[in-house]
Every structure is written in structure tokens, then in C-alpha cells.
Amino acid sequence: MKYIEPVMKLSDPEKEWFEIWYVDGVNYFPAYLVVVLPNPENQEEIIVVDSTKSEIIHKSQSYEDAHQWLTEDDFSLVTGREFNYVR
């Protein structure tokens, strides 16, 4: 797998965003987190990065494809404070 640099600067400020996703329904502590963001080498591509290894674990051609991949693998988007319990 390809590793990414911890600090990246994208050429388009509109594409400087990220999301944090976690594995839902599994009692991991600390939670397994991934970061979703535009690929700095190809801003038309969305990458999913393992937060502990800074390793790209998935690439998608669109946000919708990345979203589908994440939800199929039981990831949920962090929208605020999440509590560590199995539903």
C-alpha cells in the first residue's frame, strides 16, 4: 500500500476537506478510524487513509463510490461525539 505524507497541501482550496469515519458496531478501543479526503496527487479521486498508519487503504473515482465502500464495510461518519458501545 502507498503511504501519504502527514502534511499535504492541495492546489485547490475548495478541495481541502476531510472526514473521519469509524467502524460501527464493534467494540474496539481505541476505535478504528479512517480519514476520507481528496487525493493530493489526483484531486478528482477520493482516498481512504488508515489513521494510524497513514496508509491509503482505498481509492475511489468519486465521493459517492467512497461512501458506498465505507458503508458496505460498516463504517460510519463521525458527526460529533461518539460513544464506545456496541448497539
N, C-alpha and C. Protein backbone atom coordinates (compact mmCIF):
# COMPACT_ATOMS: atom_id res chain seq x y z
N MET A 1 0.83 -1.19 0.00
CA MET A 1 0.00 0.00 0.00
C MET A 1 0.87 1.24 0.00
N LYS A 2 0.32 2.30 -0.53
CA LYS A 2 1.04 3.56 -0.61
C LYS A 2 0.84 4.36 0.68
N TYR A 3 1.89 4.99 1.12
CA TYR A 3 1.82 5.84 2.30
C TYR A 3 1.71 7.29 1.86
N ILE A 4 1.07 8.09 2.71
CA ILE A 4 0.95 9.51 2.39
C ILE A 4 1.72 10.32 3.42
N GLU A 5 2.11 11.50 3.01
CA GLU A 5 2.80 12.40 3.92
C GLU A 5 1.80 12.92 4.95
N PRO A 6 2.24 13.13 6.19
CA PRO A 6 1.32 13.61 7.22
C PRO A 6 0.75 15.00 6.93
N VAL A 7 1.49 15.82 6.22
CA VAL A 7 1.00 17.17 5.89
C VAL A 7 0.97 17.30 4.37
N MET A 8 -0.21 17.64 3.86
CA MET A 8 -0.38 17.78 2.41
C MET A 8 -1.04 19.12 2.13
N LYS A 9 -0.71 19.72 1.03
CA LYS A 9 -1.36 20.95 0.60
C LYS A 9 -1.91 20.71 -0.79
N LEU A 10 -3.20 20.88 -0.95
CA LEU A 10 -3.84 20.70 -2.25
C LEU A 10 -3.81 22.01 -3.01
N SER A 11 -3.83 21.90 -4.33
CA SER A 11 -3.75 23.11 -5.15
C SER A 11 -5.07 23.87 -5.21
N ASP A 12 -6.18 23.23 -4.93
CA ASP A 12 -7.49 23.86 -4.99
C ASP A 12 -8.06 23.98 -3.58
N PRO A 13 -8.14 25.20 -3.02
CA PRO A 13 -8.64 25.36 -1.64
C PRO A 13 -10.04 24.80 -1.43
N GLU A 14 -10.87 24.74 -2.48
CA GLU A 14 -12.21 24.17 -2.36
C GLU A 14 -12.17 22.67 -2.08
N LYS A 15 -11.06 22.05 -2.38
CA LYS A 15 -10.93 20.60 -2.18
C LYS A 15 -10.15 20.26 -0.92
N GLU A 16 -9.92 21.23 -0.06
CA GLU A 16 -9.21 20.99 1.18
C GLU A 16 -10.22 20.66 2.27
N TRP A 17 -10.65 19.42 2.29
CA TRP A 17 -11.61 18.95 3.28
C TRP A 17 -11.21 17.53 3.69
N PHE A 18 -11.77 17.06 4.77
CA PHE A 18 -11.58 15.67 5.18
C PHE A 18 -12.75 15.26 6.06
N GLU A 19 -12.94 13.96 6.16
CA GLU A 19 -13.95 13.39 7.05
C GLU A 19 -13.28 12.27 7.85
N ILE A 20 -13.79 12.05 9.05
CA ILE A 20 -13.33 10.95 9.89
C ILE A 20 -14.45 9.91 9.96
N TRP A 21 -14.11 8.66 9.67
CA TRP A 21 -15.05 7.55 9.73
C TRP A 21 -14.53 6.51 10.71
N TYR A 22 -15.43 5.73 11.32
CA TYR A 22 -15.04 4.70 12.27
C TYR A 22 -15.83 3.43 12.00
N VAL A 23 -15.31 2.31 12.47
CA VAL A 23 -16.02 1.04 12.34
C VAL A 23 -17.15 1.05 13.35
N ASP A 24 -18.36 0.87 12.88
CA ASP A 24 -19.54 0.91 13.74
C ASP A 24 -19.94 -0.49 14.19
N GLY A 25 -20.45 -0.59 15.41
CA GLY A 25 -20.99 -1.85 15.89
C GLY A 25 -19.96 -2.84 16.41
N VAL A 26 -18.72 -2.41 16.52
CA VAL A 26 -17.65 -3.28 17.02
C VAL A 26 -17.02 -2.58 18.21
N ASN A 27 -16.80 -3.30 19.28
CA ASN A 27 -16.27 -2.69 20.49
C ASN A 27 -14.75 -2.66 20.47
N TYR A 28 -14.19 -1.77 19.64
CA TYR A 28 -12.74 -1.54 19.60
C TYR A 28 -12.43 -0.32 20.45
N PHE A 29 -11.36 -0.39 21.19
CA PHE A 29 -10.90 0.82 21.87
C PHE A 29 -9.39 0.83 21.82
N PRO A 30 -8.77 1.81 21.25
CA PRO A 30 -9.46 2.93 20.61
C PRO A 30 -10.14 2.50 19.32
N ALA A 31 -11.09 3.28 18.88
CA ALA A 31 -11.86 2.97 17.68
C ALA A 31 -10.93 2.95 16.46
N TYR A 32 -11.26 2.10 15.48
CA TYR A 32 -10.52 2.08 14.22
C TYR A 32 -11.03 3.23 13.37
N LEU A 33 -10.17 4.19 13.09
CA LEU A 33 -10.55 5.40 12.37
C LEU A 33 -9.86 5.47 11.02
N VAL A 34 -10.59 6.00 10.05
CA VAL A 34 -10.01 6.28 8.73
C VAL A 34 -10.35 7.72 8.38
N VAL A 35 -9.51 8.30 7.53
CA VAL A 35 -9.70 9.67 7.05
C VAL A 35 -10.05 9.59 5.57
N VAL A 36 -11.08 10.31 5.18
CA VAL A 36 -11.51 10.38 3.78
C VAL A 36 -11.20 11.79 3.29
N LEU A 37 -10.52 11.89 2.14
CA LEU A 37 -10.14 13.20 1.61
C LEU A 37 -9.79 13.09 0.14
N PRO A 38 -9.74 14.23 -0.57
CA PRO A 38 -9.30 14.19 -1.96
C PRO A 38 -7.84 13.76 -2.05
N ASN A 39 -7.52 13.01 -3.08
CA ASN A 39 -6.15 12.57 -3.29
C ASN A 39 -5.31 13.79 -3.71
N PRO A 40 -4.23 14.11 -2.99
CA PRO A 40 -3.44 15.29 -3.34
C PRO A 40 -2.72 15.13 -4.69
N GLU A 41 -2.56 13.90 -5.15
CA GLU A 41 -1.90 13.66 -6.44
C GLU A 41 -2.88 13.68 -7.60
N ASN A 42 -4.16 13.48 -7.32
CA ASN A 42 -5.22 13.48 -8.34
C ASN A 42 -6.50 13.91 -7.65
N GLN A 43 -6.79 15.19 -7.68
CA GLN A 43 -7.89 15.74 -6.89
C GLN A 43 -9.27 15.28 -7.36
N GLU A 44 -9.34 14.58 -8.48
CA GLU A 44 -10.62 14.01 -8.91
C GLU A 44 -10.89 12.69 -8.21
N GLU A 45 -9.92 12.20 -7.48
CA GLU A 45 -10.00 10.90 -6.81
C GLU A 45 -10.16 11.12 -5.30
N ILE A 46 -10.89 10.23 -4.65
CA ILE A 46 -11.07 10.27 -3.20
C ILE A 46 -10.29 9.09 -2.61
N ILE A 47 -9.55 9.37 -1.53
CA ILE A 47 -8.79 8.29 -0.88
C ILE A 47 -9.30 8.08 0.54
N VAL A 48 -9.13 6.84 1.01
CA VAL A 48 -9.44 6.48 2.40
C VAL A 48 -8.11 6.07 3.01
N VAL A 49 -7.76 6.71 4.12
CA VAL A 49 -6.45 6.53 4.74
C VAL A 49 -6.61 5.96 6.14
N ASP A 50 -5.86 4.91 6.44
CA ASP A 50 -5.80 4.35 7.79
C ASP A 50 -5.15 5.42 8.67
N SER A 51 -5.84 5.85 9.71
CA SER A 51 -5.34 6.98 10.51
C SER A 51 -4.10 6.64 11.33
N THR A 52 -3.90 5.39 11.66
CA THR A 52 -2.73 5.03 12.48
C THR A 52 -1.48 4.78 11.65
N LYS A 53 -1.65 4.35 10.40
CA LYS A 53 -0.51 4.01 9.56
C LYS A 53 -0.23 5.02 8.46
N SER A 54 -1.09 6.00 8.28
CA SER A 54 -1.01 6.95 7.16
C SER A 54 -0.89 6.20 5.84
N GLU A 55 -1.65 5.13 5.72
CA GLU A 55 -1.61 4.25 4.55
C GLU A 55 -2.93 4.34 3.80
N ILE A 56 -2.86 4.51 2.48
CA ILE A 56 -4.07 4.54 1.67
C ILE A 56 -4.62 3.11 1.59
N ILE A 57 -5.86 2.94 2.04
CA ILE A 57 -6.46 1.60 2.02
C ILE A 57 -7.51 1.46 0.93
N HIS A 58 -7.93 2.59 0.34
CA HIS A 58 -8.93 2.53 -0.73
C HIS A 58 -8.87 3.82 -1.55
N LYS A 59 -9.08 3.68 -2.86
CA LYS A 59 -9.20 4.83 -3.76
C LYS A 59 -10.51 4.71 -4.52
N SER A 60 -11.17 5.83 -4.73
CA SER A 60 -12.42 5.87 -5.48
C SER A 60 -12.39 7.00 -6.48
N GLN A 61 -13.14 6.85 -7.54
CA GLN A 61 -13.22 7.89 -8.57
C GLN A 61 -14.19 9.00 -8.19
N SER A 62 -15.01 8.77 -7.15
CA SER A 62 -15.95 9.80 -6.71
C SER A 62 -16.23 9.64 -5.22
N TYR A 63 -16.77 10.70 -4.63
CA TYR A 63 -17.15 10.63 -3.22
C TYR A 63 -18.23 9.58 -3.02
N GLU A 64 -19.16 9.50 -3.95
CA GLU A 64 -20.26 8.54 -3.83
C GLU A 64 -19.73 7.10 -3.78
N ASP A 65 -18.74 6.79 -4.61
CA ASP A 65 -18.14 5.45 -4.59
C ASP A 65 -17.43 5.18 -3.26
N ALA A 66 -16.71 6.17 -2.76
CA ALA A 66 -16.03 6.01 -1.46
C ALA A 66 -17.05 5.81 -0.35
N HIS A 67 -18.12 6.60 -0.39
CA HIS A 67 -19.18 6.49 0.62
C HIS A 67 -19.79 5.09 0.60
N GLN A 68 -20.07 4.58 -0.58
CA GLN A 68 -20.64 3.23 -0.70
C GLN A 68 -19.68 2.18 -0.15
N TRP A 69 -18.40 2.28 -0.47
CA TRP A 69 -17.41 1.33 0.02
C TRP A 69 -17.36 1.35 1.55
N LEU A 70 -17.37 2.54 2.12
CA LEU A 70 -17.31 2.68 3.58
C LEU A 70 -18.54 2.09 4.25
N THR A 71 -19.71 2.40 3.74
CA THR A 71 -20.93 1.90 4.38
C THR A 71 -21.09 0.39 4.21
N GLU A 72 -20.61 -0.17 3.09
CA GLU A 72 -20.64 -1.62 2.91
C GLU A 72 -19.74 -2.32 3.92
N ASP A 73 -18.67 -1.65 4.34
CA ASP A 73 -17.74 -2.23 5.31
C ASP A 73 -18.06 -1.79 6.74
N ASP A 74 -19.28 -1.35 6.98
CA ASP A 74 -19.77 -0.99 8.32
C ASP A 74 -19.05 0.19 8.96
N PHE A 75 -18.59 1.13 8.15
CA PHE A 75 -18.05 2.38 8.69
C PHE A 75 -19.18 3.38 8.83
N SER A 76 -19.04 4.27 9.79
CA SER A 76 -19.99 5.37 9.98
C SER A 76 -19.21 6.67 10.07
N LEU A 77 -19.82 7.73 9.58
CA LEU A 77 -19.21 9.05 9.60
C LEU A 77 -19.30 9.63 11.01
N VAL A 78 -18.20 10.17 11.50
CA VAL A 78 -18.21 10.86 12.79
C VAL A 78 -18.88 12.21 12.59
N THR A 79 -19.94 12.45 13.34
CA THR A 79 -20.67 13.71 13.21
C THR A 79 -20.63 14.53 14.49
N GLY A 80 -19.97 14.05 15.47
CA GLY A 80 -19.88 14.71 16.77
C GLY A 80 -19.23 13.73 17.72
N ARG A 81 -19.61 13.76 18.94
CA ARG A 81 -19.06 12.83 19.92
C ARG A 81 -19.72 11.48 19.74
N GLU A 82 -18.91 10.45 19.65
CA GLU A 82 -19.41 9.08 19.53
C GLU A 82 -19.07 8.34 20.81
N PHE A 83 -19.99 7.51 21.27
CA PHE A 83 -19.78 6.73 22.48
C PHE A 83 -19.37 5.32 22.11
N ASN A 84 -18.49 4.73 22.90
CA ASN A 84 -17.90 3.43 22.61
C ASN A 84 -18.76 2.32 23.22
N TYR A 85 -19.84 1.97 22.54
CA TYR A 85 -20.63 0.83 22.94
C TYR A 85 -21.19 0.15 21.70
N VAL A 86 -21.44 -1.15 21.81
CA VAL A 86 -21.98 -1.92 20.69
C VAL A 86 -23.48 -1.81 20.75
N ARG A 87 -24.07 -1.49 19.60
CA ARG A 87 -25.54 -1.34 19.54
C ARG A 87 -26.22 -2.66 19.39
